[in-house]
Amino acid sequence: MRLYVEEDTKTMKIVELIIARLKEKSTWAGLGTIIAALGLKIDPEQFSAISVAVIGLIGVYEVFRKEK
C-alpha cells in the first residue's frame, strides 16, 4: 500500500510541474515555435482560442484538485 501512495505523490508532482509550465507564456511561445517548425499553420486567432481553452481546463483542474 505504501508504494501506491509514493507513486501517487510522484504522479501529482509531475502533474503540478506540467500545470505550472503551462501557465507560463514562454511555454506557449515555445509550443507555437515548435508547431511552426513542424510546418503546421494555425491562425493567431485559433491559437489564441486553443490556449484560452487549455488555460480554462487548467483552472477547472485547480478548482477541483485536493490540497496537500
N, C-alpha and C. Protein backbone atom coordinates (compact mmCIF):
# COMPACT_ATOMS: atom_id res chain seq x y z
N MET A 1 0.83 -1.19 0.00
CA MET A 1 0.00 0.00 0.00
C MET A 1 0.87 1.25 0.00
N ARG A 2 1.99 1.21 0.66
CA ARG A 2 2.85 2.38 0.74
C ARG A 2 3.42 2.76 -0.64
N LEU A 3 3.73 1.76 -1.45
CA LEU A 3 4.25 2.05 -2.79
C LEU A 3 3.23 2.83 -3.61
N TYR A 4 1.96 2.49 -3.46
CA TYR A 4 0.91 3.19 -4.20
C TYR A 4 0.88 4.66 -3.81
N VAL A 5 1.01 4.95 -2.54
CA VAL A 5 1.00 6.34 -2.07
C VAL A 5 2.20 7.09 -2.60
N GLU A 6 3.38 6.45 -2.60
CA GLU A 6 4.58 7.10 -3.11
C GLU A 6 4.46 7.37 -4.60
N GLU A 7 3.94 6.40 -5.35
CA GLU A 7 3.76 6.59 -6.79
C GLU A 7 2.75 7.69 -7.07
N ASP A 8 1.67 7.74 -6.27
CA ASP A 8 0.66 8.77 -6.43
C ASP A 8 1.25 10.15 -6.17
N THR A 9 2.12 10.26 -5.19
CA THR A 9 2.77 11.53 -4.88
C THR A 9 3.67 11.95 -6.03
N LYS A 10 4.41 11.02 -6.61
CA LYS A 10 5.28 11.33 -7.74
C LYS A 10 4.45 11.79 -8.93
N THR A 11 3.34 11.11 -9.18
CA THR A 11 2.47 11.48 -10.29
C THR A 11 1.92 12.87 -10.08
N MET A 12 1.50 13.20 -8.87
CA MET A 12 0.95 14.52 -8.59
C MET A 12 2.01 15.60 -8.78
N LYS A 13 3.26 15.31 -8.39
CA LYS A 13 4.32 16.29 -8.57
C LYS A 13 4.58 16.55 -10.05
N ILE A 14 4.52 15.49 -10.86
CA ILE A 14 4.71 15.65 -12.30
C ILE A 14 3.58 16.47 -12.89
N VAL A 15 2.34 16.16 -12.48
CA VAL A 15 1.19 16.91 -12.98
C VAL A 15 1.28 18.37 -12.57
N GLU A 16 1.67 18.63 -11.33
CA GLU A 16 1.81 20.01 -10.86
C GLU A 16 2.90 20.74 -11.63
N LEU A 17 3.99 20.05 -11.96
CA LEU A 17 5.06 20.65 -12.75
C LEU A 17 4.56 21.02 -14.14
N ILE A 18 3.83 20.11 -14.75
CA ILE A 18 3.29 20.37 -16.09
C ILE A 18 2.32 21.55 -16.06
N ILE A 19 1.46 21.57 -15.06
CA ILE A 19 0.49 22.66 -14.94
C ILE A 19 1.20 23.99 -14.73
N ALA A 20 2.23 23.98 -13.90
CA ALA A 20 2.99 25.21 -13.65
C ALA A 20 3.62 25.72 -14.95
N ARG A 21 4.17 24.80 -15.76
CA ARG A 21 4.78 25.21 -17.02
C ARG A 21 3.73 25.71 -18.01
N LEU A 22 2.55 25.10 -18.03
CA LEU A 22 1.50 25.52 -18.96
C LEU A 22 0.95 26.90 -18.63
N LYS A 23 1.16 27.36 -17.41
CA LYS A 23 0.69 28.69 -17.01
C LYS A 23 1.64 29.79 -17.48
N GLU A 24 2.82 29.41 -17.94
CA GLU A 24 3.82 30.39 -18.34
C GLU A 24 3.67 30.76 -19.81
N LYS A 25 3.78 32.03 -20.12
CA LYS A 25 3.66 32.49 -21.50
C LYS A 25 4.78 31.94 -22.38
N SER A 26 5.95 31.76 -21.80
CA SER A 26 7.08 31.26 -22.58
C SER A 26 6.83 29.84 -23.08
N THR A 27 6.08 29.07 -22.32
CA THR A 27 5.73 27.71 -22.75
C THR A 27 4.89 27.77 -24.02
N TRP A 28 3.92 28.67 -24.03
CA TRP A 28 3.05 28.80 -25.19
C TRP A 28 3.82 29.33 -26.39
N ALA A 29 4.74 30.23 -26.15
CA ALA A 29 5.58 30.74 -27.25
C ALA A 29 6.43 29.61 -27.81
N GLY A 30 6.97 28.79 -26.93
CA GLY A 30 7.77 27.65 -27.37
C GLY A 30 6.96 26.65 -28.15
N LEU A 31 5.75 26.37 -27.68
CA LEU A 31 4.87 25.45 -28.41
C LEU A 31 4.53 25.99 -29.79
N GLY A 32 4.28 27.29 -29.86
CA GLY A 32 4.00 27.91 -31.14
C GLY A 32 5.17 27.79 -32.09
N THR A 33 6.37 27.96 -31.56
CA THR A 33 7.58 27.84 -32.36
C THR A 33 7.76 26.41 -32.87
N ILE A 34 7.52 25.45 -31.99
CA ILE A 34 7.64 24.04 -32.39
C ILE A 34 6.62 23.70 -33.48
N ILE A 35 5.40 24.17 -33.30
CA ILE A 35 4.36 23.92 -34.29
C ILE A 35 4.73 24.55 -35.63
N ALA A 36 5.26 25.77 -35.58
CA ALA A 36 5.67 26.45 -36.81
C ALA A 36 6.83 25.70 -37.48
N ALA A 37 7.75 25.19 -36.67
CA ALA A 37 8.89 24.46 -37.22
C ALA A 37 8.45 23.16 -37.89
N LEU A 38 7.38 22.59 -37.39
CA LEU A 38 6.86 21.36 -37.99
C LEU A 38 6.06 21.63 -39.26
N GLY A 39 5.82 22.89 -39.54
CA GLY A 39 5.12 23.26 -40.76
C GLY A 39 3.62 23.36 -40.61
N LEU A 40 3.11 23.23 -39.40
CA LEU A 40 1.68 23.37 -39.19
C LEU A 40 1.33 24.85 -39.10
N LYS A 41 0.31 25.22 -39.82
CA LYS A 41 -0.08 26.63 -39.81
C LYS A 41 -1.40 26.78 -39.07
N ILE A 42 -1.36 27.57 -38.03
CA ILE A 42 -2.56 27.85 -37.24
C ILE A 42 -2.72 29.36 -37.21
N ASP A 43 -3.91 29.81 -37.50
CA ASP A 43 -4.18 31.24 -37.43
C ASP A 43 -3.97 31.74 -36.01
N PRO A 44 -3.49 32.96 -35.84
CA PRO A 44 -3.29 33.50 -34.50
C PRO A 44 -4.58 33.46 -33.65
N GLU A 45 -5.72 33.67 -34.28
CA GLU A 45 -6.98 33.63 -33.54
C GLU A 45 -7.27 32.21 -33.05
N GLN A 46 -6.98 31.23 -33.88
CA GLN A 46 -7.19 29.84 -33.47
C GLN A 46 -6.24 29.46 -32.35
N PHE A 47 -4.99 29.86 -32.47
CA PHE A 47 -4.00 29.56 -31.43
C PHE A 47 -4.40 30.20 -30.12
N SER A 48 -4.90 31.43 -30.20
CA SER A 48 -5.35 32.13 -29.00
C SER A 48 -6.53 31.39 -28.37
N ALA A 49 -7.47 30.94 -29.19
CA ALA A 49 -8.62 30.21 -28.67
C ALA A 49 -8.20 28.89 -28.04
N ILE A 50 -7.26 28.21 -28.65
CA ILE A 50 -6.77 26.94 -28.10
C ILE A 50 -6.09 27.17 -26.77
N SER A 51 -5.24 28.20 -26.69
CA SER A 51 -4.53 28.46 -25.44
C SER A 51 -5.50 28.87 -24.33
N VAL A 52 -6.52 29.66 -24.66
CA VAL A 52 -7.51 30.04 -23.66
C VAL A 52 -8.26 28.81 -23.17
N ALA A 53 -8.60 27.90 -24.07
CA ALA A 53 -9.30 26.67 -23.68
C ALA A 53 -8.44 25.81 -22.75
N VAL A 54 -7.16 25.68 -23.07
CA VAL A 54 -6.27 24.89 -22.22
C VAL A 54 -6.12 25.54 -20.85
N ILE A 55 -5.95 26.84 -20.82
CA ILE A 55 -5.84 27.54 -19.54
C ILE A 55 -7.13 27.39 -18.73
N GLY A 56 -8.27 27.42 -19.42
CA GLY A 56 -9.54 27.20 -18.73
C GLY A 56 -9.62 25.81 -18.13
N LEU A 57 -9.15 24.80 -18.87
CA LEU A 57 -9.14 23.44 -18.33
C LEU A 57 -8.22 23.33 -17.12
N ILE A 58 -7.10 24.01 -17.17
CA ILE A 58 -6.20 24.02 -16.02
C ILE A 58 -6.89 24.66 -14.82
N GLY A 59 -7.63 25.73 -15.06
CA GLY A 59 -8.37 26.38 -13.98
C GLY A 59 -9.40 25.46 -13.36
N VAL A 60 -10.11 24.71 -14.19
CA VAL A 60 -11.10 23.75 -13.68
C VAL A 60 -10.40 22.69 -12.84
N TYR A 61 -9.26 22.20 -13.33
CA TYR A 61 -8.49 21.22 -12.57
C TYR A 61 -8.08 21.78 -11.21
N GLU A 62 -7.61 23.01 -11.20
CA GLU A 62 -7.15 23.64 -9.96
C GLU A 62 -8.30 23.80 -8.96
N VAL A 63 -9.50 24.05 -9.44
CA VAL A 63 -10.66 24.21 -8.56
C VAL A 63 -10.98 22.90 -7.85
N PHE A 64 -10.86 21.78 -8.56
CA PHE A 64 -11.30 20.51 -8.01
C PHE A 64 -10.20 19.63 -7.42
N ARG A 65 -8.95 20.01 -7.56
CA ARG A 65 -7.90 19.16 -7.00
C ARG A 65 -7.80 19.35 -5.49
N LYS A 66 -7.32 18.32 -4.83
CA LYS A 66 -7.19 18.36 -3.37
C LYS A 66 -5.91 19.08 -2.99
N GLU A 67 -5.98 19.84 -1.91
CA GLU A 67 -4.79 20.50 -1.37
C GLU A 67 -4.00 19.49 -0.56
N LYS A 68 -2.70 19.71 -0.47
CA LYS A 68 -1.85 18.81 0.32
C LYS A 68 -1.88 19.19 1.77
